[in-house]
């Protein structure tokens, strides 16, 4: 049973790390959009390609623009925090009980 508990614990840590990295990528993309960076820069292209599918889905589902400001990154960041607080914590608790 301890092997399964260790596996679940490791999956929870990896999921937490991936969500944390994605939130950093999202924040950097927001900052890059404020400074009007070169759209042909490979880093800027990576940021947009990594975040646009999720942001587009949020924009399509919810009307999250107000006065020309796009609040979809904020919605995605809140969802990431919710996933980290609920899913990752639940996986850690399941691993502890095994």
C-alpha atoms as a PDB file:
ATOM      1  CA  UNK A   1       0.000   0.000   0.000  1.00  0.00           C
ATOM      2  CA  UNK A   2       2.866   2.375   0.724  1.00  0.00           C
ATOM      3  CA  UNK A   3       3.934   2.225  -2.936  1.00  0.00           C
ATOM      4  CA  UNK A   4       0.523   3.488  -4.048  1.00  0.00           C
ATOM      5  CA  UNK A   5       0.644   6.199  -1.380  1.00  0.00           C
ATOM      6  CA  UNK A   6       4.071   7.309  -2.585  1.00  0.00           C
ATOM      7  CA  UNK A   7       2.854   7.343  -6.186  1.00  0.00           C
ATOM      8  CA  UNK A   8      -0.173   9.500  -5.323  1.00  0.00           C
ATOM      9  CA  UNK A   9       2.018  11.817  -3.257  1.00  0.00           C
ATOM     10  CA  UNK A  10       4.474  12.176  -6.150  1.00  0.00           C
ATOM     11  CA  UNK A  11       1.642  12.865  -8.613  1.00  0.00           C
ATOM     12  CA  UNK A  12       0.305  15.547  -6.290  1.00  0.00           C
ATOM     13  CA  UNK A  13       3.726  17.198  -6.120  1.00  0.00           C
ATOM     14  CA  UNK A  14       4.172  17.097  -9.893  1.00  0.00           C
ATOM     15  CA  UNK A  15       0.686  18.523 -10.430  1.00  0.00           C
ATOM     16  CA  UNK A  16       1.381  21.299  -7.939  1.00  0.00           C
ATOM     17  CA  UNK A  17       4.662  22.120  -9.679  1.00  0.00           C
ATOM     18  CA  UNK A  18       3.048  22.172 -13.139  1.00  0.00           C
ATOM     19  CA  UNK A  19       0.246  24.438 -11.944  1.00  0.00           C
ATOM     20  CA  UNK A  20       2.777  26.747 -10.337  1.00  0.00           C
ATOM     21  CA  UNK A  21       4.864  26.962 -13.528  1.00  0.00           C
ATOM     22  CA  UNK A  22       1.769  27.610 -15.623  1.00  0.00           C
ATOM     23  CA  UNK A  23       0.714  30.425 -13.316  1.00  0.00           C
ATOM     24  CA  UNK A  24       4.184  31.981 -13.692  1.00  0.00           C
ATOM     25  CA  UNK A  25       3.939  31.678 -17.486  1.00  0.00           C
ATOM     26  CA  UNK A  26       0.521  33.329 -17.345  1.00  0.00           C
ATOM     27  CA  UNK A  27       1.758  36.241 -15.233  1.00  0.00           C
ATOM     28  CA  UNK A  28       4.740  36.761 -17.550  1.00  0.00           C
ATOM     29  CA  UNK A  29       2.381  36.762 -20.544  1.00  0.00           C
ATOM     30  CA  UNK A  30       0.268  39.475 -18.909  1.00  0.00           C
ATOM     31  CA  UNK A  31       3.351  41.592 -18.243  1.00  0.00           C
ATOM     32  CA  UNK A  32       4.574  41.077 -21.821  1.00  0.00           C
ATOM     33  CA  UNK A  33       1.204  42.192 -23.153  1.00  0.00           C
ATOM     34  CA  UNK A  34       1.526  45.438 -21.186  1.00  0.00           C
ATOM     35  CA  UNK A  35       4.943  46.354 -22.597  1.00  0.00           C
ATOM     36  CA  UNK A  36       4.064  45.679 -26.246  1.00  0.00           C
ATOM     37  CA  UNK A  37       6.866  43.204 -26.909  1.00  0.00           C
ATOM     38  CA  UNK A  38       7.948  42.040 -30.360  1.00  0.00           C
ATOM     39  CA  UNK A  39       5.424  39.377 -31.488  1.00  0.00           C
ATOM     40  CA  UNK A  40       8.117  37.588 -33.523  1.00  0.00           C
ATOM     41  CA  UNK A  41      10.347  37.019 -30.500  1.00  0.00           C
ATOM     42  CA  UNK A  42      10.477  33.250 -29.785  1.00  0.00           C
ATOM     43  CA  UNK A  43       9.867  33.758 -26.068  1.00  0.00           C
ATOM     44  CA  UNK A  44       6.807  35.912 -26.703  1.00  0.00           C
ATOM     45  CA  UNK A  45       5.495  33.391 -29.228  1.00  0.00           C
ATOM     46  CA  UNK A  46       5.966  30.579 -26.691  1.00  0.00           C
ATOM     47  CA  UNK A  47       4.098  32.535 -24.028  1.00  0.00           C
ATOM     48  CA  UNK A  48       1.163  33.168 -26.347  1.00  0.00           C
ATOM     49  CA  UNK A  49       1.083  29.595 -27.664  1.00  0.00           C
ATOM     50  CA  UNK A  50       1.202  28.162 -24.133  1.00  0.00           C
ATOM     51  CA  UNK A  51      -1.543  30.368 -22.702  1.00  0.00           C
ATOM     52  CA  UNK A  52      -3.865  31.286 -25.558  1.00  0.00           C
ATOM     53  CA  UNK A  53      -5.776  27.961 -25.764  1.00  0.00           C
ATOM     54  CA  UNK A  54      -6.845  28.224 -22.116  1.00  0.00           C
ATOM     55  CA  UNK A  55      -7.507  31.959 -22.248  1.00  0.00           C
ATOM     56  CA  UNK A  56      -9.498  31.623 -25.458  1.00  0.00           C
ATOM     57  CA  UNK A  57     -11.695  28.958 -23.885  1.00  0.00           C
ATOM     58  CA  UNK A  58     -12.371  31.230 -20.890  1.00  0.00           C
ATOM     59  CA  UNK A  59     -13.103  34.217 -23.151  1.00  0.00           C
ATOM     60  CA  UNK A  60     -15.491  32.127 -25.229  1.00  0.00           C
ATOM     61  CA  UNK A  61     -17.329  30.788 -22.167  1.00  0.00           C
ATOM     62  CA  UNK A  62     -17.507  33.912 -20.008  1.00  0.00           C
ATOM     63  CA  UNK A  63     -17.717  37.573 -20.996  1.00  0.00           C
ATOM     64  CA  UNK A  64     -14.613  38.651 -19.096  1.00  0.00           C
ATOM     65  CA  UNK A  65     -13.757  41.941 -20.781  1.00  0.00           C
ATOM     66  CA  UNK A  66     -14.749  45.199 -19.174  1.00  0.00           C
ATOM     67  CA  UNK A  67     -13.833  48.629 -20.531  1.00  0.00           C
ATOM     68  CA  UNK A  68     -11.282  47.084 -22.872  1.00  0.00           C
ATOM     69  CA  UNK A  69      -9.513  45.149 -20.120  1.00  0.00           C
ATOM     70  CA  UNK A  70      -9.317  41.376 -20.458  1.00  0.00           C
ATOM     71  CA  UNK A  71      -9.872  39.625 -17.135  1.00  0.00           C
ATOM     72  CA  UNK A  72      -9.482  36.072 -18.483  1.00  0.00           C
ATOM     73  CA  UNK A  73      -5.930  35.672 -17.032  1.00  0.00           C
ATOM     74  CA  UNK A  74      -7.327  36.531 -13.612  1.00  0.00           C
ATOM     75  CA  UNK A  75     -10.058  33.885 -13.994  1.00  0.00           C
ATOM     76  CA  UNK A  76      -7.452  31.282 -15.011  1.00  0.00           C
ATOM     77  CA  UNK A  77      -5.189  32.220 -12.093  1.00  0.00           C
ATOM     78  CA  UNK A  78      -8.109  31.835  -9.692  1.00  0.00           C
ATOM     79  CA  UNK A  79      -8.858  28.425 -11.189  1.00  0.00           C
ATOM     80  CA  UNK A  80      -5.215  27.407 -10.713  1.00  0.00           C
ATOM     81  CA  UNK A  81      -5.321  28.479  -7.068  1.00  0.00           C
ATOM     82  CA  UNK A  82      -8.543  26.518  -6.607  1.00  0.00           C
ATOM     83  CA  UNK A  83      -6.988  23.420  -8.173  1.00  0.00           C
ATOM     84  CA  UNK A  84      -3.927  23.737  -5.980  1.00  0.00           C
ATOM     85  CA  UNK A  85      -5.993  24.212  -2.845  1.00  0.00           C
ATOM     86  CA  UNK A  86      -8.525  21.478  -3.570  1.00  0.00           C
ATOM     87  CA  UNK A  87      -7.092  18.823  -5.871  1.00  0.00           C
ATOM     88  CA  UNK A  88      -3.465  18.808  -4.757  1.00  0.00           C
ATOM     89  CA  UNK A  89      -4.434  18.911  -1.085  1.00  0.00           C
ATOM     90  CA  UNK A  90      -6.939  16.107  -1.613  1.00  0.00           C
ATOM     91  CA  UNK A  91      -4.308  13.963  -3.304  1.00  0.00           C
ATOM     92  CA  UNK A  92      -1.908  14.562  -0.421  1.00  0.00           C
ATOM     93  CA  UNK A  93      -4.617  13.587   2.073  1.00  0.00           C
ATOM     94  CA  UNK A  94      -5.420  10.419   0.122  1.00  0.00           C
ATOM     95  CA  UNK A  95      -1.729   9.504   0.076  1.00  0.00           C
ATOM     96  CA  UNK A  96      -1.441  10.064   3.835  1.00  0.00           C
ATOM     97  CA  UNK A  97      -4.430   7.818   4.558  1.00  0.00           C
ATOM     98  CA  UNK A  98      -3.009   4.971   2.518  1.00  0.00           C
END
